[in-house]
């Protein structure tokens, strides 16, 4: 059986989850107590934005001259003249 971990909160005696689940009728679930302070799992960081990737590639290649160039992707691997 796969484990599906979903964060929720009790409001007015009912479990309310952050994201609605589309579970079929008759699906059984187990609800356990959870304290976020006890959580040792650290979530994966979000992926970098395209802008951050561009800046990193330009910086790593030492091509700061391409920082404002709209055609930087084509030129990034070309040797400087």
N, C-alpha and C. Protein backbone atom coordinates (compact mmCIF):
# COMPACT_ATOMS: atom_id res chain seq x y z
N UNK A 1 0.85 -1.17 0.00
CA UNK A 1 0.00 0.00 0.00
C UNK A 1 0.89 1.24 0.00
N UNK A 2 0.63 2.15 -0.92
CA UNK A 2 1.37 3.41 -0.98
C UNK A 2 0.90 4.34 0.11
N UNK A 3 1.83 5.15 0.59
CA UNK A 3 1.49 6.11 1.63
C UNK A 3 1.27 7.47 0.97
N UNK A 4 0.17 8.09 1.33
CA UNK A 4 -0.16 9.42 0.84
C UNK A 4 -0.18 10.34 2.04
N UNK A 5 0.81 11.24 2.11
CA UNK A 5 0.88 12.16 3.24
C UNK A 5 0.32 13.51 2.81
N UNK A 6 -0.69 13.95 3.54
CA UNK A 6 -1.35 15.22 3.23
C UNK A 6 -1.46 16.00 4.52
N UNK A 7 -1.10 17.27 4.46
CA UNK A 7 -1.19 18.12 5.64
C UNK A 7 -2.59 18.71 5.72
N UNK A 8 -3.12 18.73 6.92
CA UNK A 8 -4.44 19.30 7.15
C UNK A 8 -4.51 19.90 8.53
N UNK A 9 -5.66 20.42 8.86
CA UNK A 9 -5.87 21.07 10.15
C UNK A 9 -7.30 20.76 10.59
N UNK A 10 -7.48 20.59 11.89
CA UNK A 10 -8.81 20.34 12.42
C UNK A 10 -9.50 21.69 12.63
N UNK A 11 -10.66 21.83 12.02
CA UNK A 11 -11.49 23.03 12.18
C UNK A 11 -12.92 22.58 12.47
N UNK A 12 -13.44 23.04 13.59
CA UNK A 12 -14.79 22.65 13.99
C UNK A 12 -14.96 21.13 14.03
N UNK A 13 -13.90 20.45 14.48
CA UNK A 13 -13.97 19.01 14.64
C UNK A 13 -13.79 18.21 13.36
N UNK A 14 -13.51 18.86 12.24
CA UNK A 14 -13.35 18.17 10.96
C UNK A 14 -11.93 18.41 10.44
N UNK A 15 -11.38 17.42 9.77
CA UNK A 15 -10.06 17.56 9.16
C UNK A 15 -10.23 18.29 7.83
N UNK A 16 -9.53 19.41 7.70
CA UNK A 16 -9.56 20.19 6.47
C UNK A 16 -8.14 20.14 5.89
N UNK A 17 -8.02 19.62 4.68
CA UNK A 17 -6.69 19.48 4.06
C UNK A 17 -6.36 20.71 3.24
N UNK A 18 -5.04 20.96 3.08
CA UNK A 18 -4.59 22.13 2.34
C UNK A 18 -5.03 22.09 0.88
N UNK A 19 -4.89 20.94 0.27
CA UNK A 19 -5.26 20.76 -1.13
C UNK A 19 -6.37 19.73 -1.19
N UNK A 20 -7.49 20.06 -1.83
CA UNK A 20 -8.58 19.08 -1.92
C UNK A 20 -8.11 17.78 -2.57
N UNK A 21 -8.58 16.67 -2.04
CA UNK A 21 -8.23 15.36 -2.57
C UNK A 21 -9.40 14.82 -3.37
N UNK A 22 -9.11 14.15 -4.44
CA UNK A 22 -10.14 13.54 -5.26
C UNK A 22 -10.10 12.03 -5.02
N UNK A 23 -10.58 11.61 -3.84
CA UNK A 23 -10.57 10.20 -3.48
C UNK A 23 -11.94 9.61 -3.73
N UNK A 24 -12.00 8.35 -4.13
CA UNK A 24 -13.29 7.72 -4.40
C UNK A 24 -14.05 7.43 -3.11
N UNK A 25 -15.37 7.39 -3.20
CA UNK A 25 -16.19 7.01 -2.05
C UNK A 25 -15.79 5.62 -1.58
N UNK A 26 -15.75 5.43 -0.27
CA UNK A 26 -15.38 4.14 0.30
C UNK A 26 -13.89 3.98 0.51
N UNK A 27 -13.10 4.97 0.14
CA UNK A 27 -11.66 4.93 0.31
C UNK A 27 -11.37 5.13 1.79
N UNK A 28 -10.57 4.26 2.39
CA UNK A 28 -10.25 4.36 3.81
C UNK A 28 -8.97 5.14 4.01
N UNK A 29 -8.96 5.96 5.04
CA UNK A 29 -7.78 6.74 5.37
C UNK A 29 -7.48 6.59 6.86
N UNK A 30 -6.24 6.86 7.22
CA UNK A 30 -5.83 6.89 8.62
C UNK A 30 -5.36 8.31 8.90
N UNK A 31 -5.91 8.91 9.93
CA UNK A 31 -5.53 10.26 10.34
C UNK A 31 -4.74 10.14 11.63
N UNK A 32 -3.54 10.71 11.66
CA UNK A 32 -2.72 10.66 12.86
C UNK A 32 -2.37 12.07 13.30
N UNK A 33 -2.01 12.18 14.56
CA UNK A 33 -1.58 13.47 15.09
C UNK A 33 -0.22 13.81 14.51
N UNK A 34 -0.01 15.07 14.26
CA UNK A 34 1.24 15.52 13.65
C UNK A 34 1.62 16.86 14.26
N UNK A 35 2.89 16.98 14.61
CA UNK A 35 3.41 18.23 15.13
C UNK A 35 4.52 18.69 14.19
N UNK A 36 4.34 19.82 13.48
CA UNK A 36 5.36 20.25 12.54
C UNK A 36 6.74 20.43 13.17
N UNK A 37 6.79 20.73 14.45
CA UNK A 37 8.08 20.90 15.12
C UNK A 37 8.86 19.59 15.18
N UNK A 38 8.15 18.45 15.12
CA UNK A 38 8.80 17.15 15.16
C UNK A 38 9.26 16.66 13.79
N UNK A 39 8.91 17.39 12.76
CA UNK A 39 9.19 16.95 11.39
C UNK A 39 10.68 17.09 11.09
N UNK A 40 11.33 15.97 10.77
CA UNK A 40 12.74 16.01 10.43
C UNK A 40 12.94 16.04 8.93
N UNK A 41 11.89 15.79 8.18
CA UNK A 41 11.98 15.84 6.72
C UNK A 41 12.03 17.30 6.29
N UNK A 42 13.00 17.63 5.48
CA UNK A 42 13.05 18.97 4.94
C UNK A 42 12.57 18.90 3.49
N UNK A 43 11.66 19.76 3.12
CA UNK A 43 11.16 19.71 1.76
C UNK A 43 12.24 20.10 0.76
N UNK A 44 12.11 19.57 -0.44
CA UNK A 44 13.05 19.94 -1.49
C UNK A 44 12.86 21.42 -1.82
N UNK A 45 13.95 22.11 -2.06
CA UNK A 45 13.80 23.52 -2.42
C UNK A 45 13.13 23.63 -3.79
N UNK A 46 12.45 24.72 -4.04
CA UNK A 46 11.80 24.87 -5.35
C UNK A 46 12.86 24.95 -6.44
N UNK A 47 12.51 24.55 -7.66
CA UNK A 47 13.50 24.63 -8.73
C UNK A 47 13.83 26.08 -9.03
N UNK A 48 15.03 26.34 -9.51
CA UNK A 48 15.39 27.73 -9.80
C UNK A 48 14.57 28.28 -10.95
N UNK A 49 14.36 29.57 -10.93
CA UNK A 49 13.62 30.22 -12.01
C UNK A 49 14.50 30.26 -13.26
N UNK A 50 13.89 30.42 -14.42
CA UNK A 50 14.70 30.54 -15.64
C UNK A 50 15.71 31.69 -15.56
N UNK A 51 15.31 32.78 -14.90
CA UNK A 51 16.22 33.92 -14.77
C UNK A 51 17.43 33.55 -13.92
N UNK A 52 17.18 32.81 -12.83
CA UNK A 52 18.28 32.39 -11.96
C UNK A 52 19.21 31.44 -12.71
N UNK A 53 18.65 30.55 -13.52
CA UNK A 53 19.48 29.63 -14.31
C UNK A 53 20.34 30.40 -15.30
N UNK A 54 19.75 31.40 -15.95
CA UNK A 54 20.49 32.21 -16.91
C UNK A 54 21.66 32.92 -16.22
N UNK A 55 21.38 33.54 -15.08
CA UNK A 55 22.43 34.25 -14.34
C UNK A 55 23.54 33.29 -13.91
N UNK A 56 23.17 32.10 -13.47
CA UNK A 56 24.16 31.13 -13.03
C UNK A 56 25.03 30.67 -14.20
N UNK A 57 24.40 30.37 -15.33
CA UNK A 57 25.17 29.91 -16.50
C UNK A 57 26.12 30.99 -17.00
N UNK A 58 25.62 32.22 -17.06
CA UNK A 58 26.46 33.33 -17.52
C UNK A 58 27.63 33.54 -16.56
N UNK A 59 27.36 33.47 -15.26
CA UNK A 59 28.41 33.66 -14.26
C UNK A 59 29.42 32.54 -14.28
N UNK A 60 28.97 31.29 -14.38
CA UNK A 60 29.89 30.16 -14.37
C UNK A 60 30.79 30.15 -15.61
N UNK A 61 30.26 30.60 -16.71
CA UNK A 61 31.06 30.64 -17.94
C UNK A 61 31.92 31.90 -18.01
N UNK A 62 31.74 32.80 -17.04
CA UNK A 62 32.51 34.04 -17.05
C UNK A 62 32.12 34.95 -18.20
N UNK A 63 30.89 34.86 -18.62
CA UNK A 63 30.43 35.66 -19.77
C UNK A 63 29.49 36.76 -19.32
N UNK A 64 29.93 37.58 -18.41
CA UNK A 64 29.11 38.68 -17.90
C UNK A 64 28.74 39.66 -19.00
N UNK A 65 29.48 39.63 -20.11
CA UNK A 65 29.15 40.49 -21.24
C UNK A 65 27.81 40.12 -21.87
N UNK A 66 27.30 38.93 -21.57
CA UNK A 66 26.03 38.47 -22.15
C UNK A 66 24.84 38.71 -21.22
N UNK A 67 25.06 39.37 -20.11
CA UNK A 67 24.01 39.53 -19.10
C UNK A 67 22.74 40.15 -19.67
N UNK A 68 22.85 41.11 -20.56
CA UNK A 68 21.67 41.77 -21.12
C UNK A 68 21.42 41.40 -22.57
N UNK A 69 22.10 40.38 -23.06
CA UNK A 69 21.96 39.98 -24.46
C UNK A 69 20.78 39.02 -24.62
N UNK A 70 19.79 39.37 -25.44
CA UNK A 70 18.63 38.47 -25.62
C UNK A 70 19.00 37.16 -26.31
N UNK A 71 20.14 37.12 -26.98
CA UNK A 71 20.57 35.91 -27.69
C UNK A 71 21.68 35.19 -26.93
N UNK A 72 21.66 35.32 -25.60
CA UNK A 72 22.74 34.78 -24.77
C UNK A 72 22.88 33.28 -24.89
N UNK A 73 21.74 32.56 -25.08
CA UNK A 73 21.81 31.08 -25.14
C UNK A 73 22.64 30.61 -26.32
N UNK A 74 22.51 31.28 -27.44
CA UNK A 74 23.28 30.90 -28.63
C UNK A 74 24.76 31.24 -28.44
N UNK A 75 25.02 32.35 -27.79
CA UNK A 75 26.39 32.85 -27.67
C UNK A 75 27.16 32.29 -26.47
N UNK A 76 26.50 31.67 -25.51
CA UNK A 76 27.15 31.28 -24.26
C UNK A 76 28.32 30.32 -24.47
N UNK A 77 28.24 29.44 -25.45
CA UNK A 77 29.31 28.47 -25.68
C UNK A 77 30.32 28.93 -26.72
N UNK A 78 30.05 30.04 -27.38
CA UNK A 78 30.95 30.56 -28.40
C UNK A 78 32.15 31.24 -27.73
N UNK A 79 33.33 31.05 -28.26
CA UNK A 79 34.48 31.75 -27.70
C UNK A 79 34.36 33.25 -27.93
N UNK A 80 34.92 33.99 -27.01
CA UNK A 80 34.91 35.45 -27.18
C UNK A 80 35.83 35.86 -28.30
N UNK A 81 35.44 36.90 -28.97
CA UNK A 81 36.27 37.41 -30.09
C UNK A 81 37.22 38.46 -29.60
